[in-house]
Amino acid sequence: MPHYKSDRAFQIVNSIIMVVISLTMLAPLINLAAVSLSTADSVKLNLVYFWPKGWNLDVYRIVFQKETLWRSLLVSIYITVTGTAASLFFNSTLAYALSRPYMPLKKTILKALIFTFVFSIPLIPYYLTIRAVHMNNTLWALIVPGALSAFYIIIMKTFFQGISKEVFEAAEVDGCSEFGSYGRIVLPLSKPVMATIGLFHAVSQWNAYFSALIFIRNKDLYPIQVVLRSLVIENKTGSAPSGIDLMLSTPEQIKAGIILFGTVPILLVYPFLQKYFVKGAMLGSLKE
């Protein structure tokens, strides 16, 4: 009985701590939403914290009319979807090959992958390589270099090795090739790890901006994060984003609306992957 009470107390305290941490992480977004929905006078007087003071939707009317933001949002969606699909394909195929016991040069390839995991490529050789293959100033420069990840490959390889050997033996008896085993057996059983890795890569791809600053010169190819970075720089001068009228809103409101405009889309992905993500978070636990 005392043991049960101590476990119960630990769960309660742990839940309270997790709730507090979650609210701390959500506080900036809540504040941005409150600022963007408040009246301009309330924002100027610093009266807005976590609840709007009066309702004002003019900010989003202004933001939604900006073609530059929509174009950058579509660019971010494209590189995120394409980059995530490419990452899942290349990482899963290589991880599957490395999980097979008769893969030639498996140890050598694993050592090479671990080397890239520990030592990252310097910036100047990285830039020169991208320029040498003529990918600079194209969206491929934001997609291809990050398609393979040693970390993701190791996680997927470990997961694939946990699949029962009898399943592969039965598929081999039925005449299934390696490509057939990968497509018909491994992928259907790997939804948790695929969803987890996909979500990690999608969030990383969506939030990345440094590569775009280095390789992209055409402003029409800027992702949303580059636009948000420009917004932060302009915020230091106390001015509004370029080309936006401030008759009905303050610079802080416009910036809050644009930040939410670029943040909410990636947040909407999680609910659709939640059940797989929870299972994927248990990677490495005991399997039957």
Protein backbone atom coordinates (compact mmCIF):
# COMPACT_ATOMS: atom_id res chain seq x y z
CA MET A 1 0.00 0.00 0.00
CA PRO A 2 2.74 2.55 0.82
CA HIS A 3 4.45 1.63 -2.45
CA TYR A 4 1.21 2.33 -4.33
CA LYS A 5 0.84 5.72 -2.64
CA SER A 6 4.42 6.71 -3.49
CA ASP A 7 3.88 5.75 -7.15
CA ARG A 8 0.63 7.69 -7.17
CA ALA A 9 2.33 10.76 -5.69
CA PHE A 10 5.15 10.53 -8.21
CA GLN A 11 2.70 10.38 -11.12
CA ILE A 12 0.80 13.40 -9.82
CA VAL A 13 3.95 15.47 -9.29
CA ASN A 14 5.35 14.38 -12.66
CA SER A 15 2.09 15.30 -14.40
CA ILE A 16 2.06 18.74 -12.76
CA ILE A 17 5.65 19.38 -13.83
CA MET A 18 4.89 18.31 -17.42
CA VAL A 19 1.82 20.57 -17.53
CA VAL A 20 3.86 23.53 -16.26
CA ILE A 21 6.61 22.88 -18.84
CA SER A 22 4.01 22.56 -21.61
CA LEU A 23 2.35 25.82 -20.63
CA THR A 24 5.75 27.52 -20.56
CA MET A 25 6.38 26.38 -24.13
CA LEU A 26 2.92 27.47 -25.25
CA ALA A 27 3.08 30.86 -23.54
CA PRO A 28 4.91 32.68 -26.39
CA LEU A 29 2.41 31.40 -28.98
CA ILE A 30 -0.53 32.35 -26.77
CA ASN A 31 0.92 35.82 -26.29
CA LEU A 32 1.44 36.24 -30.04
CA ALA A 33 -2.13 35.17 -30.73
CA ALA A 34 -3.46 37.58 -28.09
CA VAL A 35 -1.41 40.47 -29.49
CA SER A 36 -2.48 39.80 -33.07
CA LEU A 37 -6.17 39.71 -32.11
CA SER A 38 -6.20 42.79 -29.86
CA THR A 39 -6.92 46.40 -30.70
CA ALA A 40 -4.01 48.62 -31.64
CA ASP A 41 -4.49 50.93 -28.62
CA SER A 42 -4.31 48.00 -26.19
CA VAL A 43 -1.07 46.78 -27.74
CA LYS A 44 0.48 50.26 -27.69
CA LEU A 45 -0.32 50.54 -23.96
CA ASN A 46 1.18 47.06 -23.25
CA LEU A 47 -2.11 45.78 -21.85
CA VAL A 48 -2.09 42.47 -23.71
CA TYR A 49 -0.63 39.32 -22.19
CA PHE A 50 -2.47 36.03 -22.71
CA TRP A 51 -5.94 37.21 -23.65
CA PRO A 52 -6.95 39.66 -26.40
CA LYS A 53 -8.08 43.13 -25.38
CA GLY A 54 -10.91 43.72 -27.80
CA TRP A 55 -11.13 41.75 -31.05
CA ASN A 56 -9.38 42.94 -34.16
CA LEU A 57 -9.01 40.69 -37.22
CA ASP A 58 -7.48 43.37 -39.44
CA VAL A 59 -4.01 41.91 -38.85
CA TYR A 60 -4.88 38.65 -40.56
CA ARG A 61 -6.70 40.45 -43.34
CA ILE A 62 -3.48 42.35 -44.05
CA VAL A 63 -1.27 39.28 -43.71
CA PHE A 64 -3.44 37.08 -45.93
CA GLN A 65 -3.32 39.69 -48.69
CA LYS A 66 0.49 39.56 -48.89
CA GLU A 67 1.44 37.53 -51.96
CA THR A 68 5.05 37.31 -50.75
CA LEU A 69 4.01 35.42 -47.63
CA TRP A 70 1.84 32.97 -49.55
CA ARG A 71 4.62 32.34 -52.04
CA SER A 72 7.18 31.71 -49.29
CA LEU A 73 4.69 29.47 -47.47
CA LEU A 74 4.17 27.38 -50.60
CA VAL A 75 7.95 27.11 -51.02
CA SER A 76 8.29 25.87 -47.45
CA ILE A 77 5.49 23.35 -47.94
CA TYR A 78 7.13 22.09 -51.13
CA ILE A 79 10.62 21.64 -49.68
CA THR A 80 9.19 20.12 -46.48
CA VAL A 81 6.98 17.56 -48.24
CA THR A 82 9.55 16.72 -50.93
CA GLY A 83 12.46 16.68 -48.51
CA THR A 84 10.63 14.48 -46.01
CA ALA A 85 9.56 12.01 -48.70
CA ALA A 86 13.12 11.83 -50.05
CA SER A 87 14.55 11.43 -46.56
CA LEU A 88 12.17 8.60 -45.66
CA PHE A 89 12.88 6.79 -48.92
CA PHE A 90 16.67 7.01 -48.89
CA ASN A 91 17.09 6.48 -45.15
CA SER A 92 14.70 3.53 -45.00
CA THR A 93 16.15 1.76 -48.04
CA LEU A 94 19.72 2.09 -46.78
CA ALA A 95 18.70 1.14 -43.24
CA TYR A 96 16.88 -1.93 -44.57
CA ALA A 97 19.93 -3.00 -46.56
CA LEU A 98 22.16 -2.57 -43.50
CA SER A 99 19.74 -4.56 -41.34
CA ARG A 100 20.08 -7.63 -43.56
CA PRO A 101 22.70 -10.12 -42.32
CA TYR A 102 24.30 -10.75 -45.73
CA MET A 103 24.76 -7.10 -46.77
CA PRO A 104 28.26 -6.73 -48.37
CA LEU A 105 30.60 -4.21 -46.69
CA LYS A 106 27.99 -3.55 -44.02
CA LYS A 107 30.52 -2.76 -41.27
CA THR A 108 32.47 -0.41 -43.51
CA ILE A 109 29.34 1.52 -44.49
CA LEU A 110 28.25 1.76 -40.85
CA LYS A 111 31.64 3.13 -39.82
CA ALA A 112 31.42 5.73 -42.59
CA LEU A 113 27.94 6.73 -41.43
CA ILE A 114 29.04 7.05 -37.82
CA PHE A 115 31.98 9.20 -38.96
CA THR A 116 29.59 11.63 -40.67
CA PHE A 117 27.43 11.61 -37.55
CA VAL A 118 30.36 12.66 -35.32
CA PHE A 119 32.16 15.03 -37.74
CA SER A 120 30.05 17.40 -39.81
CA ILE A 121 31.30 18.83 -43.11
CA PRO A 122 32.87 22.32 -42.88
CA LEU A 123 30.85 25.17 -44.33
CA ILE A 124 33.19 26.20 -47.16
CA PRO A 125 33.65 22.69 -48.67
CA TYR A 126 29.91 22.21 -48.26
CA TYR A 127 29.19 25.39 -50.23
CA LEU A 128 31.75 24.54 -52.90
CA THR A 129 30.26 21.08 -53.34
CA ILE A 130 26.74 22.44 -53.81
CA ARG A 131 28.01 24.98 -56.31
CA ALA A 132 30.05 22.36 -58.17
CA VAL A 133 26.94 20.26 -58.82
CA HIS A 134 25.00 23.39 -59.93
CA MET A 135 22.39 23.21 -57.17
CA ASN A 136 22.99 26.70 -55.80
CA ASN A 137 20.04 29.08 -56.18
CA THR A 138 17.69 26.10 -56.57
CA LEU A 139 15.39 24.42 -54.09
CA TRP A 140 17.35 21.17 -54.52
CA ALA A 141 20.09 22.75 -52.41
CA LEU A 142 17.60 22.78 -49.52
CA ILE A 143 16.35 19.22 -50.11
CA VAL A 144 19.13 16.93 -51.30
CA PRO A 145 21.95 17.57 -48.75
CA GLY A 146 19.74 16.67 -45.80
CA ALA A 147 18.06 13.67 -47.40
CA LEU A 148 20.43 11.20 -45.69
CA SER A 149 21.04 11.23 -41.95
CA ALA A 150 23.22 8.80 -40.01
CA PHE A 151 21.04 9.29 -36.94
CA TYR A 152 17.84 8.35 -38.78
CA ILE A 153 19.52 5.40 -40.51
CA ILE A 154 20.73 3.94 -37.21
CA ILE A 155 17.27 4.28 -35.65
CA MET A 156 15.55 2.65 -38.64
CA LYS A 157 18.17 -0.11 -38.85
CA THR A 158 17.60 -0.96 -35.20
CA PHE A 159 13.85 -1.05 -35.74
CA PHE A 160 14.11 -3.24 -38.84
CA GLN A 161 16.36 -5.70 -36.99
CA GLY A 162 13.62 -6.10 -34.39
CA ILE A 163 11.21 -7.52 -36.97
CA SER A 164 10.88 -11.28 -36.60
CA LYS A 165 13.23 -13.29 -38.85
CA GLU A 166 10.47 -15.83 -39.43
CA VAL A 167 8.50 -13.21 -41.35
CA PHE A 168 11.36 -12.74 -43.83
CA GLU A 169 11.92 -16.47 -44.09
CA ALA A 170 8.25 -17.03 -44.89
CA ALA A 171 8.36 -14.28 -47.52
CA GLU A 172 11.46 -15.84 -49.07
CA VAL A 173 9.77 -19.24 -49.23
CA ASP A 174 6.84 -17.61 -51.05
CA GLY A 175 9.28 -16.25 -53.64
CA CYS A 176 9.31 -12.64 -52.43
CA SER A 177 12.37 -10.63 -53.48
CA GLU A 178 14.21 -8.13 -51.29
CA PHE A 179 12.30 -5.27 -52.89
CA GLY A 180 9.08 -7.17 -52.23
CA SER A 181 10.01 -7.77 -48.61
CA TYR A 182 10.82 -4.10 -48.20
CA GLY A 183 7.59 -2.87 -49.79
CA ARG A 184 5.13 -5.51 -48.56
CA ILE A 185 6.51 -6.40 -45.13
CA VAL A 186 8.90 -3.81 -43.77
CA LEU A 187 7.05 -0.62 -44.70
CA PRO A 188 3.61 -1.70 -43.37
CA LEU A 189 5.22 -2.78 -40.08
CA SER A 190 7.31 0.38 -39.81
CA LYS A 191 4.62 3.06 -39.64
CA PRO A 192 5.65 4.16 -36.08
CA VAL A 193 9.33 4.69 -36.93
CA MET A 194 8.51 6.21 -40.33
CA ALA A 195 6.05 8.67 -38.75
CA THR A 196 8.52 9.60 -36.02
CA ILE A 197 11.45 10.15 -38.37
CA GLY A 198 9.18 11.90 -40.86
CA LEU A 199 7.92 14.32 -38.21
CA PHE A 200 11.44 15.04 -36.96
CA HIS A 201 12.70 15.74 -40.46
CA ALA A 202 9.64 17.78 -41.45
CA VAL A 203 9.98 20.06 -38.43
CA SER A 204 13.72 20.43 -39.04
CA GLN A 205 13.14 21.15 -42.73
CA TRP A 206 10.38 23.65 -42.00
CA ASN A 207 12.45 25.58 -39.44
CA ALA A 208 15.70 25.62 -41.45
CA TYR A 209 16.75 28.96 -42.89
CA PHE A 210 20.56 29.03 -42.89
CA SER A 211 20.93 26.96 -46.04
CA ALA A 212 18.48 29.23 -47.85
CA LEU A 213 20.49 32.28 -46.82
CA ILE A 214 23.64 30.73 -48.26
CA PHE A 215 22.39 29.13 -51.48
CA ILE A 216 19.26 31.04 -52.54
CA ARG A 217 19.56 34.40 -54.27
CA ASN A 218 16.16 34.51 -55.94
CA LYS A 219 13.70 36.06 -53.49
CA ASP A 220 10.85 34.15 -55.09
CA LEU A 221 12.45 30.95 -53.76
CA TYR A 222 12.75 32.13 -50.17
CA PRO A 223 11.05 29.80 -47.63
CA ILE A 224 8.87 31.25 -44.90
CA GLN A 225 11.63 31.09 -42.27
CA VAL A 226 13.84 33.46 -44.25
CA VAL A 227 10.95 35.90 -44.37
CA LEU A 228 10.50 35.53 -40.61
CA ARG A 229 14.21 36.13 -40.08
CA SER A 230 13.97 39.34 -42.09
CA LEU A 231 11.04 40.25 -39.89
CA VAL A 232 13.10 39.79 -36.72
CA ILE A 233 15.89 41.95 -38.14
CA GLU A 234 13.41 44.69 -39.03
CA ASN A 235 11.95 44.41 -35.54
CA LYS A 236 15.23 45.73 -34.10
CA THR A 237 14.60 49.02 -35.85
CA GLY A 238 11.02 49.20 -34.55
CA SER A 239 9.63 49.34 -38.07
CA ALA A 240 6.94 47.28 -39.76
CA PRO A 241 7.61 44.60 -42.35
CA SER A 242 8.24 45.99 -45.82
CA GLY A 243 5.21 46.86 -47.91
CA ILE A 244 2.63 46.67 -45.10
CA ASP A 245 0.21 49.46 -44.22
CA LEU A 246 -0.11 50.25 -40.49
CA MET A 247 -3.32 52.27 -40.54
CA LEU A 248 -5.28 49.67 -38.52
CA SER A 249 -2.54 47.78 -36.65
CA THR A 250 0.79 48.23 -34.91
CA PRO A 251 4.12 46.75 -36.11
CA GLU A 252 4.04 44.30 -33.19
CA GLN A 253 0.63 43.01 -34.24
CA ILE A 254 1.66 42.55 -37.86
CA LYS A 255 4.78 40.68 -36.84
CA ALA A 256 2.85 38.48 -34.43
CA GLY A 257 0.39 37.62 -37.18
CA ILE A 258 3.15 36.77 -39.66
CA ILE A 259 4.97 34.59 -37.12
CA LEU A 260 1.79 32.64 -36.44
CA PHE A 261 1.18 32.44 -40.19
CA GLY A 262 4.52 30.66 -40.55
CA THR A 263 4.26 28.51 -37.42
CA VAL A 264 0.74 27.11 -37.31
CA PRO A 265 0.92 24.97 -40.52
CA ILE A 266 3.65 22.67 -39.15
CA LEU A 267 1.80 22.41 -35.82
CA LEU A 268 -1.25 21.05 -37.64
CA VAL A 269 0.74 18.04 -38.85
CA TYR A 270 1.20 16.48 -35.42
CA PRO A 271 -2.43 15.49 -34.68
CA PHE A 272 -2.52 13.31 -37.81
CA LEU A 273 0.67 11.47 -36.78
CA GLN A 274 0.06 11.39 -33.03
CA LYS A 275 -0.83 7.71 -32.67
CA TYR A 276 2.19 6.63 -34.72
CA PHE A 277 4.45 9.16 -33.01
CA VAL A 278 3.59 7.81 -29.54
CA LYS A 279 4.48 4.31 -30.70
CA GLY A 280 7.65 5.57 -32.31
CA ALA A 281 8.66 7.26 -29.07
CA MET A 282 8.92 3.77 -27.57
CA LEU A 283 11.64 2.71 -30.03
CA GLY A 284 14.20 0.63 -28.27
CA SER A 285 11.73 -0.86 -25.78
CA LEU A 286 11.26 -4.60 -25.48
CA LYS A 287 9.57 -6.38 -28.37
CA GLU A 288 7.92 -9.76 -28.27
